[in-house]
């Protein structure tokens, strides 16, 4: 299953390239390229939680104080 997190528009060929990663993905090299425009889906670059966070797709996995977040599918240490 391909999950499109961003796309790059190539100004020379006038084509879009779908990307399964974004600028926040580990290992991505950030280099300015004036031949491409990068468009990222805001759900994957937004690092804030709105409401209860059920739709959160960002990259933050620790609390403001540095405590590791509990996995959504875990009932330990707290029940939902």
N, C-alpha and C. Protein backbone atom coordinates (compact mmCIF):
# COMPACT_ATOMS: atom_id res chain seq x y z
N UNK A 1 0.83 -1.19 0.00
CA UNK A 1 0.00 0.00 0.00
C UNK A 1 0.87 1.25 0.00
N UNK A 2 0.65 2.09 -0.97
CA UNK A 2 1.42 3.34 -1.07
C UNK A 2 0.68 4.44 -0.33
N UNK A 3 1.39 5.16 0.53
CA UNK A 3 0.82 6.26 1.29
C UNK A 3 1.51 7.54 0.84
N UNK A 4 0.78 8.40 0.14
CA UNK A 4 1.36 9.64 -0.37
C UNK A 4 1.41 10.67 0.75
N UNK A 5 2.61 11.05 1.15
CA UNK A 5 2.79 12.05 2.20
C UNK A 5 3.13 13.42 1.62
N UNK A 6 3.61 13.44 0.37
CA UNK A 6 4.00 14.70 -0.27
C UNK A 6 4.13 14.45 -1.77
N UNK A 7 4.25 15.53 -2.52
CA UNK A 7 4.60 15.39 -3.92
C UNK A 7 5.48 16.56 -4.34
N UNK A 8 6.32 16.27 -5.31
CA UNK A 8 7.23 17.30 -5.84
C UNK A 8 6.81 17.59 -7.27
N UNK A 9 6.69 18.86 -7.59
CA UNK A 9 6.36 19.28 -8.95
C UNK A 9 7.64 19.66 -9.67
N UNK A 10 7.92 18.97 -10.77
CA UNK A 10 9.10 19.23 -11.57
C UNK A 10 8.74 20.31 -12.58
N UNK A 11 9.34 21.49 -12.43
CA UNK A 11 9.02 22.62 -13.30
C UNK A 11 9.47 22.42 -14.74
N UNK A 12 10.54 21.65 -14.94
CA UNK A 12 11.08 21.44 -16.28
C UNK A 12 10.16 20.51 -17.09
N UNK A 13 9.84 19.36 -16.52
CA UNK A 13 9.01 18.39 -17.24
C UNK A 13 7.52 18.61 -17.02
N UNK A 14 7.19 19.50 -16.07
CA UNK A 14 5.80 19.80 -15.72
C UNK A 14 5.05 18.53 -15.28
N UNK A 15 5.73 17.77 -14.41
CA UNK A 15 5.16 16.52 -13.89
C UNK A 15 5.26 16.50 -12.37
N UNK A 16 4.34 15.77 -11.76
CA UNK A 16 4.35 15.58 -10.32
C UNK A 16 4.93 14.21 -9.98
N UNK A 17 5.66 14.16 -8.89
CA UNK A 17 6.24 12.91 -8.40
C UNK A 17 5.69 12.67 -7.00
N UNK A 18 4.94 11.60 -6.81
CA UNK A 18 4.38 11.27 -5.51
C UNK A 18 5.49 10.75 -4.60
N UNK A 19 5.44 11.13 -3.33
CA UNK A 19 6.47 10.73 -2.37
C UNK A 19 5.84 10.04 -1.16
N UNK A 20 6.43 8.96 -0.72
CA UNK A 20 5.94 8.25 0.47
C UNK A 20 6.58 8.81 1.74
N UNK A 21 7.39 9.84 1.60
CA UNK A 21 8.08 10.47 2.73
C UNK A 21 7.85 11.97 2.64
N UNK A 22 8.27 12.69 3.68
CA UNK A 22 8.19 14.15 3.67
C UNK A 22 9.47 14.71 4.27
N UNK A 23 9.51 16.01 4.47
CA UNK A 23 10.73 16.65 4.95
C UNK A 23 11.05 16.30 6.40
N UNK A 24 10.10 15.73 7.14
CA UNK A 24 10.34 15.36 8.54
C UNK A 24 10.76 13.90 8.70
N UNK A 25 10.75 13.12 7.63
CA UNK A 25 11.11 11.71 7.69
C UNK A 25 12.60 11.57 7.99
N UNK A 26 12.94 10.65 8.90
CA UNK A 26 14.35 10.40 9.24
C UNK A 26 15.13 9.98 7.99
N UNK A 27 16.31 10.53 7.82
CA UNK A 27 17.19 10.16 6.72
C UNK A 27 17.01 10.99 5.47
N UNK A 28 16.03 11.86 5.44
CA UNK A 28 15.80 12.70 4.26
C UNK A 28 16.81 13.84 4.26
N UNK A 29 17.51 13.98 3.13
CA UNK A 29 18.46 15.08 2.98
C UNK A 29 17.69 16.29 2.46
N UNK A 30 17.87 17.41 3.12
CA UNK A 30 17.18 18.63 2.72
C UNK A 30 18.12 19.48 1.89
N UNK A 31 17.79 19.64 0.63
CA UNK A 31 18.62 20.42 -0.29
C UNK A 31 17.70 21.29 -1.13
N UNK A 32 18.01 22.55 -1.23
CA UNK A 32 17.22 23.48 -2.04
C UNK A 32 17.41 23.16 -3.52
N UNK A 33 16.32 23.02 -4.25
CA UNK A 33 16.38 22.76 -5.68
C UNK A 33 15.32 23.61 -6.35
N UNK A 34 15.75 24.58 -7.12
CA UNK A 34 14.82 25.53 -7.72
C UNK A 34 14.05 24.94 -8.90
N UNK A 35 14.37 23.72 -9.31
CA UNK A 35 13.64 23.07 -10.39
C UNK A 35 12.40 22.34 -9.88
N UNK A 36 12.28 22.18 -8.56
CA UNK A 36 11.18 21.45 -7.96
C UNK A 36 10.46 22.29 -6.92
N UNK A 37 9.16 22.12 -6.84
CA UNK A 37 8.36 22.68 -5.75
C UNK A 37 7.85 21.50 -4.93
N UNK A 38 8.06 21.53 -3.63
CA UNK A 38 7.62 20.45 -2.75
C UNK A 38 6.31 20.84 -2.08
N UNK A 39 5.34 19.95 -2.17
CA UNK A 39 4.04 20.13 -1.51
C UNK A 39 3.86 18.98 -0.53
N UNK A 40 3.61 19.30 0.74
CA UNK A 40 3.48 18.27 1.76
C UNK A 40 2.08 18.29 2.34
N UNK A 41 1.53 17.10 2.58
CA UNK A 41 0.22 17.02 3.20
C UNK A 41 0.35 17.48 4.65
N UNK A 42 -0.45 18.45 5.04
CA UNK A 42 -0.31 19.05 6.36
C UNK A 42 -0.52 18.06 7.50
N UNK A 43 -1.29 16.99 7.26
CA UNK A 43 -1.51 15.99 8.32
C UNK A 43 -0.21 15.29 8.71
N UNK A 44 0.79 15.27 7.82
CA UNK A 44 2.03 14.56 8.09
C UNK A 44 3.17 15.46 8.54
N UNK A 45 2.96 16.76 8.48
CA UNK A 45 4.01 17.67 8.95
C UNK A 45 3.56 18.47 10.17
N UNK A 46 2.27 18.39 10.49
CA UNK A 46 1.75 19.10 11.65
C UNK A 46 2.17 18.34 12.90
N UNK A 47 2.85 18.99 13.80
CA UNK A 47 3.32 18.35 15.02
C UNK A 47 2.55 18.82 16.24
N UNK A 48 1.26 19.08 16.05
CA UNK A 48 0.43 19.43 17.18
C UNK A 48 -0.81 18.53 17.16
N UNK A 49 -1.41 18.37 18.29
CA UNK A 49 -2.60 17.52 18.40
C UNK A 49 -3.81 18.43 18.52
N UNK A 50 -4.81 18.15 17.70
CA UNK A 50 -6.06 18.89 17.75
C UNK A 50 -7.11 17.97 18.37
N UNK A 51 -7.83 18.48 19.35
CA UNK A 51 -8.83 17.65 20.03
C UNK A 51 -8.16 16.56 20.84
N UNK A 52 -8.65 15.33 20.72
CA UNK A 52 -8.08 14.20 21.46
C UNK A 52 -6.94 13.52 20.72
N UNK A 53 -6.65 13.96 19.50
CA UNK A 53 -5.51 13.42 18.77
C UNK A 53 -5.79 12.15 17.99
N UNK A 54 -7.04 11.77 17.84
CA UNK A 54 -7.36 10.52 17.15
C UNK A 54 -6.89 10.51 15.70
N UNK A 55 -6.80 11.67 15.05
CA UNK A 55 -6.38 11.75 13.65
C UNK A 55 -4.93 12.19 13.49
N UNK A 56 -4.17 12.23 14.58
CA UNK A 56 -2.79 12.71 14.53
C UNK A 56 -1.91 11.77 13.71
N UNK A 57 -1.12 12.33 12.78
CA UNK A 57 -0.22 11.55 11.93
C UNK A 57 1.19 12.12 11.95
N UNK A 58 1.47 12.98 12.92
CA UNK A 58 2.77 13.63 12.99
C UNK A 58 3.86 12.71 13.49
N UNK A 59 4.97 13.29 13.91
CA UNK A 59 6.15 12.51 14.27
C UNK A 59 6.51 12.61 15.75
N UNK A 60 5.80 13.40 16.52
CA UNK A 60 6.13 13.57 17.94
C UNK A 60 5.70 12.33 18.72
N UNK A 61 6.61 11.78 19.53
CA UNK A 61 6.29 10.58 20.31
C UNK A 61 6.69 10.73 21.77
N UNK A 62 6.94 11.98 22.20
CA UNK A 62 7.23 12.26 23.60
C UNK A 62 6.39 13.46 24.04
N UNK A 63 6.12 13.53 25.34
CA UNK A 63 5.37 14.66 25.88
C UNK A 63 6.27 15.89 25.96
N UNK A 64 5.69 17.03 26.31
CA UNK A 64 6.48 18.25 26.44
C UNK A 64 7.59 18.10 27.46
N UNK A 65 7.36 17.26 28.48
CA UNK A 65 8.37 17.06 29.51
C UNK A 65 9.36 15.93 29.18
N UNK A 66 9.21 15.30 28.00
CA UNK A 66 10.17 14.28 27.57
C UNK A 66 9.78 12.85 27.86
N UNK A 67 8.57 12.61 28.35
CA UNK A 67 8.12 11.25 28.65
C UNK A 67 7.63 10.58 27.37
N UNK A 68 8.05 9.32 27.14
CA UNK A 68 7.64 8.57 25.95
C UNK A 68 6.12 8.40 25.93
N UNK A 69 5.49 8.65 24.79
CA UNK A 69 4.04 8.52 24.67
C UNK A 69 3.62 7.06 24.66
N UNK A 70 2.42 6.83 25.15
CA UNK A 70 1.84 5.49 25.16
C UNK A 70 1.27 5.20 23.78
N UNK A 71 1.51 4.00 23.28
CA UNK A 71 0.98 3.60 21.97
C UNK A 71 -0.54 3.58 22.02
N UNK A 72 -1.17 3.95 20.89
CA UNK A 72 -2.63 4.01 20.84
C UNK A 72 -3.26 2.66 21.12
N UNK A 73 -2.59 1.57 20.70
CA UNK A 73 -3.18 0.24 20.88
C UNK A 73 -2.81 -0.40 22.22
N UNK A 74 -2.18 0.35 23.11
CA UNK A 74 -1.76 -0.18 24.40
C UNK A 74 -2.67 0.33 25.53
N UNK A 75 -2.95 -0.52 26.50
CA UNK A 75 -3.73 -0.14 27.68
C UNK A 75 -2.81 0.02 28.89
N UNK A 76 -1.48 -0.03 28.64
CA UNK A 76 -0.49 0.08 29.71
C UNK A 76 0.37 1.31 29.44
N UNK A 77 0.62 2.19 30.35
CA UNK A 77 0.25 2.13 31.76
C UNK A 77 -1.15 2.70 32.05
N UNK A 78 -1.81 3.30 31.07
CA UNK A 78 -3.13 3.87 31.32
C UNK A 78 -4.17 3.24 30.40
N UNK A 79 -5.38 3.06 30.91
CA UNK A 79 -6.48 2.62 30.06
C UNK A 79 -7.05 3.83 29.34
N UNK A 80 -7.66 3.59 28.20
CA UNK A 80 -8.26 4.68 27.42
C UNK A 80 -9.60 5.08 28.01
